[in-house]
């Protein structure tokens, strides 16, 4: 069996070799590529004779998937899989598994890094102290006692809710499916937006969630509220968010995901007040990337054994 890793996984090659031998044995041919390829023809050439392919967030179009003539299994080393043409996979009979759960701790960590930075003006404080300034105008609120709204209560949303509770927040949640979560009160979306001091998004990108936070939803939020998006860029209407920030309708935002990555040079959030932007780094910690590679390889082993896991197709 031949397995092709079509883009870097962010893990040392020696560790990848160790995982491969431990999980799949020594009778598998491995091919690794150390850079991403955007040209469809060249990308097809990388995996045209692979039985299984490992991909992270490299988009795979229908043209590319159909060009992988021997492909039978796709291991997506990522939680989301909206960058994969699933219809083409179904058409070719290609099984697909993802790596849900590898970045739960990492993304939750970033959420609170963004929140605390926004609340305590850490970025501005650093700039001011280097110029001999003081705390004047930089005194912000604390988390304890705030209402923390979590939209989407999958694994990441639940972890964020637990951490928010540990900070002394009152946690509100909205999700299409409700779970029994200690200390969490489920409400409708409008109520969550209206009551929350912090709103954190943790939903997958689907046709129902695309643009779910737009002009109307932002208008419901408190002028003192902040919005955190570590989910998917298109879940938020960036133009509407930029307008809301510029007009003072909400107090700030922390954004790790964009409609296009990296975002275009004229992205509307580049010049808005009290805005923190990060380059889709939420999932990317040393520990998370190692977990991701391990799950991606375990997915191949399970599929090869006829007991597929983490199926998304």
Protein backbone atom coordinates (compact mmCIF):
# COMPACT_ATOMS: atom_id res chain seq x y z
CA UNK A 1 0.00 0.00 0.00
CA UNK A 2 1.23 3.49 -0.84
CA UNK A 3 0.45 6.48 1.36
CA UNK A 4 1.21 10.02 0.23
CA UNK A 5 1.30 12.96 2.64
CA UNK A 6 0.64 15.75 0.16
CA UNK A 7 1.54 18.67 2.44
CA UNK A 8 3.60 19.27 5.62
CA UNK A 9 1.98 18.20 8.91
CA UNK A 10 4.14 20.41 11.12
CA UNK A 11 5.79 17.43 12.82
CA UNK A 12 9.45 16.38 12.69
CA UNK A 13 10.05 13.73 10.04
CA UNK A 14 11.67 11.37 12.54
CA UNK A 15 8.55 11.48 14.67
CA UNK A 16 6.36 10.86 11.61
CA UNK A 17 8.50 7.85 10.68
CA UNK A 18 8.23 6.52 14.22
CA UNK A 19 4.44 6.89 14.21
CA UNK A 20 4.17 5.28 10.78
CA UNK A 21 6.16 2.23 11.84
CA UNK A 22 4.36 1.93 15.17
CA UNK A 23 0.84 2.30 13.79
CA UNK A 24 1.04 0.84 10.27
CA UNK A 25 4.11 -1.35 10.32
CA UNK A 26 6.92 -1.48 7.79
CA UNK A 27 5.09 -2.78 4.73
CA UNK A 28 3.71 0.61 3.71
CA UNK A 29 5.39 2.86 1.14
CA UNK A 30 5.38 6.45 2.40
CA UNK A 31 5.94 9.60 0.36
CA UNK A 32 6.16 12.97 2.10
CA UNK A 33 6.03 16.45 0.56
CA UNK A 34 7.53 19.34 2.48
CA UNK A 35 5.59 22.14 0.77
CA UNK A 36 2.06 22.85 -0.39
CA UNK A 37 1.21 22.70 -4.07
CA UNK A 38 -1.57 24.90 -5.45
CA UNK A 39 -1.26 23.91 -9.10
CA UNK A 40 -3.93 21.21 -9.68
CA UNK A 41 -1.86 19.32 -12.25
CA UNK A 42 1.19 19.13 -9.99
CA UNK A 43 -0.98 18.24 -7.00
CA UNK A 44 -2.54 15.36 -8.94
CA UNK A 45 0.95 14.15 -9.84
CA UNK A 46 1.79 13.90 -6.15
CA UNK A 47 -1.02 11.50 -5.37
CA UNK A 48 -2.05 9.90 -8.65
CA UNK A 49 -0.80 6.43 -7.65
CA UNK A 50 -1.56 6.62 -3.90
CA UNK A 51 -3.93 4.19 -2.21
CA UNK A 52 -4.33 6.58 0.72
CA UNK A 53 -3.60 10.27 1.04
CA UNK A 54 -3.04 12.41 4.12
CA UNK A 55 -4.01 16.07 3.76
CA UNK A 56 -4.39 18.84 6.33
CA UNK A 57 -6.14 22.03 5.19
CA UNK A 58 -4.89 21.95 1.60
CA UNK A 59 -8.02 22.38 -0.55
CA UNK A 60 -8.78 19.34 -2.73
CA UNK A 61 -11.13 20.12 -5.60
CA UNK A 62 -13.18 17.59 -7.50
CA UNK A 63 -10.72 17.83 -10.38
CA UNK A 64 -7.83 16.90 -8.10
CA UNK A 65 -9.67 14.09 -6.32
CA UNK A 66 -10.77 12.57 -9.61
CA UNK A 67 -7.15 12.77 -10.76
CA UNK A 68 -6.01 10.57 -7.87
CA UNK A 69 -6.78 7.50 -9.95
CA UNK A 70 -5.94 4.83 -7.30
CA UNK A 71 -7.20 6.70 -4.24
CA UNK A 72 -9.39 4.68 -1.88
CA UNK A 73 -8.96 6.50 1.43
CA UNK A 74 -8.46 10.14 2.42
CA UNK A 75 -7.23 10.91 5.93
CA UNK A 76 -7.94 14.57 6.63
CA UNK A 77 -5.53 15.78 9.31
CA UNK A 78 -7.94 18.50 10.34
CA UNK A 79 -11.25 18.81 12.17
CA UNK A 80 -13.15 20.58 9.41
CA UNK A 81 -13.40 19.11 5.93
CA UNK A 82 -15.24 21.85 4.03
CA UNK A 83 -12.06 22.25 1.91
CA UNK A 84 -12.58 18.75 0.48
CA UNK A 85 -14.95 18.09 -2.44
CA UNK A 86 -16.96 15.41 -0.67
CA UNK A 87 -19.20 14.84 -3.67
CA UNK A 88 -16.18 13.85 -5.75
CA UNK A 89 -15.07 11.48 -2.96
CA UNK A 90 -18.49 9.84 -2.89
CA UNK A 91 -18.49 9.62 -6.68
CA UNK A 92 -15.13 7.77 -6.62
CA UNK A 93 -16.02 5.65 -3.61
CA UNK A 94 -13.25 7.24 -1.54
CA UNK A 95 -13.71 6.87 2.22
CA UNK A 96 -12.90 9.97 4.26
CA UNK A 97 -11.99 10.34 7.94
CA UNK A 98 -11.03 13.45 9.88
CA UNK A 99 -9.05 14.12 13.06
CA UNK A 100 -11.74 15.57 15.30
CA UNK A 101 -10.54 16.26 18.81
CA UNK A 102 -6.84 16.81 18.26
CA UNK A 103 -7.02 20.60 18.70
CA UNK A 104 -9.62 20.91 21.46
CA UNK A 105 -7.19 22.16 24.11
CA UNK A 106 -5.21 24.28 21.65
CA UNK A 107 -8.19 26.20 20.28
CA UNK A 108 -9.69 26.74 23.72
CA UNK A 109 -6.35 28.14 24.91
CA UNK A 110 -6.35 30.67 22.07
CA UNK A 111 -9.92 31.74 22.80
CA UNK A 112 -8.90 32.90 26.25
CA UNK A 113 -5.66 34.38 24.98
CA UNK A 114 -7.75 36.59 22.70
CA UNK A 115 -10.33 37.41 25.36
CA UNK A 116 -7.78 38.37 28.00
CA UNK A 117 -5.79 40.37 25.47
CA UNK A 118 -8.91 42.30 24.51
CA UNK A 119 -10.07 42.78 28.10
CA UNK A 120 -6.69 43.77 29.57
CA UNK A 121 -5.32 45.61 26.52
CA UNK A 122 -2.13 43.56 26.55
CA UNK A 123 -1.08 44.46 23.02
CA UNK A 124 -1.58 48.17 23.70
CA UNK A 125 0.10 47.92 27.12
CA UNK A 126 3.21 46.42 25.54
CA UNK A 127 3.39 49.26 23.03
CA UNK A 128 2.85 51.94 25.67
CA UNK A 129 5.44 50.66 28.15
CA UNK A 130 8.08 50.57 25.42
CA UNK A 131 7.41 54.28 24.86
CA UNK A 132 7.63 55.18 28.56
CA UNK A 133 3.88 55.42 29.02
CA UNK A 134 1.54 54.36 31.84
CA UNK A 135 -1.72 52.46 32.30
CA UNK A 136 -3.84 55.57 31.64
CA UNK A 137 -6.67 54.68 29.28
CA UNK A 138 -5.78 50.99 29.39
CA UNK A 139 -7.74 49.81 32.41
CA UNK A 140 -10.11 47.06 31.29
CA UNK A 141 -12.65 44.69 32.83
CA UNK A 142 -12.11 41.27 34.36
CA UNK A 143 -13.72 37.99 33.39
CA UNK A 144 -15.28 37.08 36.71
CA UNK A 145 -19.01 37.74 36.72
CA UNK A 146 -19.29 38.22 32.96
CA UNK A 147 -21.78 36.34 30.81
CA UNK A 148 -19.88 34.14 28.39
CA UNK A 149 -21.83 32.96 25.35
CA UNK A 150 -20.70 29.77 23.60
CA UNK A 151 -22.21 29.09 20.17
CA UNK A 152 -21.74 25.41 19.37
CA UNK A 153 -21.14 22.90 22.14
CA UNK A 154 -19.03 20.25 20.49
CA UNK A 155 -15.76 19.24 22.14
CA UNK A 156 -14.12 22.67 21.78
CA UNK A 157 -17.23 24.57 22.82
CA UNK A 158 -17.60 22.41 25.93
CA UNK A 159 -13.98 22.97 26.91
CA UNK A 160 -14.36 26.72 26.42
CA UNK A 161 -17.49 26.62 28.58
CA UNK A 162 -15.64 24.77 31.34
CA UNK A 163 -12.75 27.26 31.32
CA UNK A 164 -15.16 30.19 31.30
CA UNK A 165 -16.85 28.70 34.35
CA UNK A 166 -13.48 28.37 36.08
CA UNK A 167 -12.93 32.09 35.50
CA UNK A 168 -16.19 32.75 37.33
CA UNK A 169 -18.30 33.53 34.27
CA UNK A 170 -21.97 32.72 33.85
CA UNK A 171 -22.01 30.49 30.78
CA UNK A 172 -24.79 30.64 28.18
CA UNK A 173 -24.87 28.28 25.22
CA UNK A 174 -26.64 27.86 21.91
CA UNK A 175 -26.40 24.70 19.83
CA UNK A 176 -28.55 22.70 17.44
CA UNK A 177 -28.17 19.75 19.82
CA UNK A 178 -28.18 20.25 23.57
CA UNK A 179 -26.10 18.32 26.07
CA UNK A 180 -26.15 18.18 29.83
CA UNK A 181 -23.20 20.38 30.73
CA UNK A 182 -22.71 21.38 34.37
CA UNK A 183 -22.91 25.12 34.87
CA UNK A 184 -24.16 25.86 31.36
CA UNK A 185 -27.56 27.34 30.53
CA UNK A 186 -28.89 26.80 27.01
CA UNK A 187 -30.77 29.70 25.45
CA UNK A 188 -31.91 30.72 21.98
CA UNK A 189 -29.38 32.48 19.76
CA UNK A 190 -30.92 35.94 20.03
CA UNK A 191 -31.01 35.73 23.82
CA UNK A 192 -27.37 34.64 23.93
CA UNK A 193 -26.31 37.52 21.69
CA UNK A 194 -28.37 40.02 23.66
CA UNK A 195 -27.13 38.95 27.12
CA UNK A 196 -23.51 37.91 26.60
CA UNK A 197 -20.47 40.05 27.34
CA UNK A 198 -18.32 37.65 25.33
CA UNK A 199 -19.53 35.57 22.38
CA UNK A 200 -17.31 32.72 21.19
CA UNK A 201 -18.07 30.75 18.01
CA UNK A 202 -17.49 26.98 17.78
CA UNK A 203 -19.60 25.72 14.88
CA UNK A 204 -18.58 23.94 11.67
CA UNK A 205 -19.05 25.68 8.35
CA UNK A 206 -22.28 24.52 6.72
CA UNK A 207 -24.91 26.21 4.61
CA UNK A 208 -26.85 26.87 7.83
CA UNK A 209 -23.92 28.44 9.67
CA UNK A 210 -22.50 30.44 6.78
CA UNK A 211 -23.05 34.09 7.67
CA UNK A 212 -24.88 33.21 10.89
CA UNK A 213 -23.35 36.29 12.55
CA UNK A 214 -24.27 39.20 10.32
CA UNK A 215 -25.53 42.75 10.61
CA UNK A 216 -28.78 41.79 12.33
CA UNK A 217 -27.09 39.54 14.89
CA UNK A 218 -24.34 42.07 15.65
CA UNK A 219 -26.98 44.74 16.25
CA UNK A 220 -28.43 42.61 19.06
CA UNK A 221 -25.15 42.44 20.98
CA UNK A 222 -24.18 44.75 23.82
CA UNK A 223 -22.02 47.76 22.91
CA UNK A 224 -19.55 46.44 25.51
CA UNK A 225 -19.47 42.90 24.08
CA UNK A 226 -16.59 41.22 22.26
CA UNK A 227 -16.81 38.54 19.57
CA UNK A 228 -14.33 35.66 19.24
CA UNK A 229 -14.19 33.52 16.10
CA UNK A 230 -11.88 30.50 16.10
CA UNK A 231 -14.36 28.39 14.09
CA UNK A 232 -14.51 29.21 10.37
CA UNK A 233 -14.20 32.58 8.65
CA UNK A 234 -17.44 32.57 6.63
CA UNK A 235 -19.51 32.00 9.79
CA UNK A 236 -19.15 35.78 10.31
CA UNK A 237 -19.95 38.51 7.81
CA UNK A 238 -16.66 40.43 8.00
CA UNK A 239 -18.05 43.56 6.35
CA UNK A 240 -20.89 43.72 8.85
CA UNK A 241 -18.45 43.09 11.72
CA UNK A 242 -16.14 45.86 10.54
CA UNK A 243 -19.09 48.24 10.34
CA UNK A 244 -20.27 47.28 13.83
CA UNK A 245 -16.79 47.84 15.27
CA UNK A 246 -16.37 51.14 13.47
CA UNK A 247 -19.74 52.39 14.70
CA UNK A 248 -19.12 51.26 18.27
CA UNK A 249 -21.99 48.77 18.20
CA UNK A 250 -19.69 46.16 19.79
CA UNK A 251 -16.47 46.74 21.72
CA UNK A 252 -14.00 44.43 20.02
CA UNK A 253 -13.21 41.12 18.38
CA UNK A 254 -10.60 38.39 18.21
CA UNK A 255 -10.49 36.60 14.86
CA UNK A 256 -8.35 33.58 13.97
CA UNK A 257 -10.15 32.46 10.79
CA UNK A 258 -11.01 34.19 7.53
CA UNK A 259 -13.02 33.68 4.36
CA UNK A 260 -9.75 33.34 2.45
CA UNK A 261 -6.49 32.36 4.12
CA UNK A 262 -4.27 34.23 4.24
CA UNK A 263 -6.78 37.08 4.00
CA UNK A 264 -6.59 39.63 1.20
CA UNK A 265 -4.58 42.81 1.75
CA UNK A 266 -7.72 44.93 1.88
CA UNK A 267 -9.60 42.80 4.42
CA UNK A 268 -12.19 44.96 6.21
CA UNK A 269 -10.93 44.04 9.70
CA UNK A 270 -7.38 45.29 9.15
CA UNK A 271 -8.25 48.81 10.26
CA UNK A 272 -11.06 48.38 12.79
CA UNK A 273 -10.69 49.40 16.44
CA UNK A 274 -9.95 46.95 19.27
CA UNK A 275 -9.41 44.10 16.82
CA UNK A 276 -7.01 41.18 17.31
CA UNK A 277 -6.21 39.05 14.28
CA UNK A 278 -4.24 35.80 14.24
CA UNK A 279 -3.29 33.65 11.20
CA UNK A 280 -5.48 30.57 11.83
CA UNK A 281 -3.13 29.43 14.55
CA UNK A 282 -5.72 28.07 17.00
CA UNK A 283 -5.09 24.42 16.15
CA UNK A 284 -1.32 24.80 15.83
CA UNK A 285 0.50 23.83 19.01
CA UNK A 286 3.35 21.35 19.23
CA UNK A 287 1.18 18.92 21.15
CA UNK A 288 -1.86 19.28 18.90
CA UNK A 289 0.09 18.71 15.70
CA UNK A 290 1.56 15.50 17.11
CA UNK A 291 -1.91 14.33 18.18
CA UNK A 292 -3.18 15.15 14.71
CA UNK A 293 -0.53 13.09 12.92
CA UNK A 294 -1.16 10.16 15.25
CA UNK A 295 -4.93 10.22 14.63
CA UNK A 296 -4.42 10.62 10.86
CA UNK A 297 -2.24 7.49 10.80
CA UNK A 298 -4.58 5.59 13.10
CA UNK A 299 -7.42 6.43 10.70
CA UNK A 300 -5.48 4.74 7.88
CA UNK A 301 -4.75 1.69 10.03
CA UNK A 302 -8.42 1.37 11.03
CA UNK A 303 -9.59 1.69 7.42
CA UNK A 304 -7.00 -0.85 6.28
CA UNK A 305 -8.26 -3.28 8.96
CA UNK A 306 -11.82 -2.88 7.71
CA UNK A 307 -12.90 -0.99 10.83
CA UNK A 308 -12.90 2.67 9.72
CA UNK A 309 -13.07 5.36 12.41
CA UNK A 310 -13.82 9.09 12.41
CA UNK A 311 -15.75 8.72 9.15
CA UNK A 312 -17.21 11.93 7.72
CA UNK A 313 -18.44 10.68 4.36
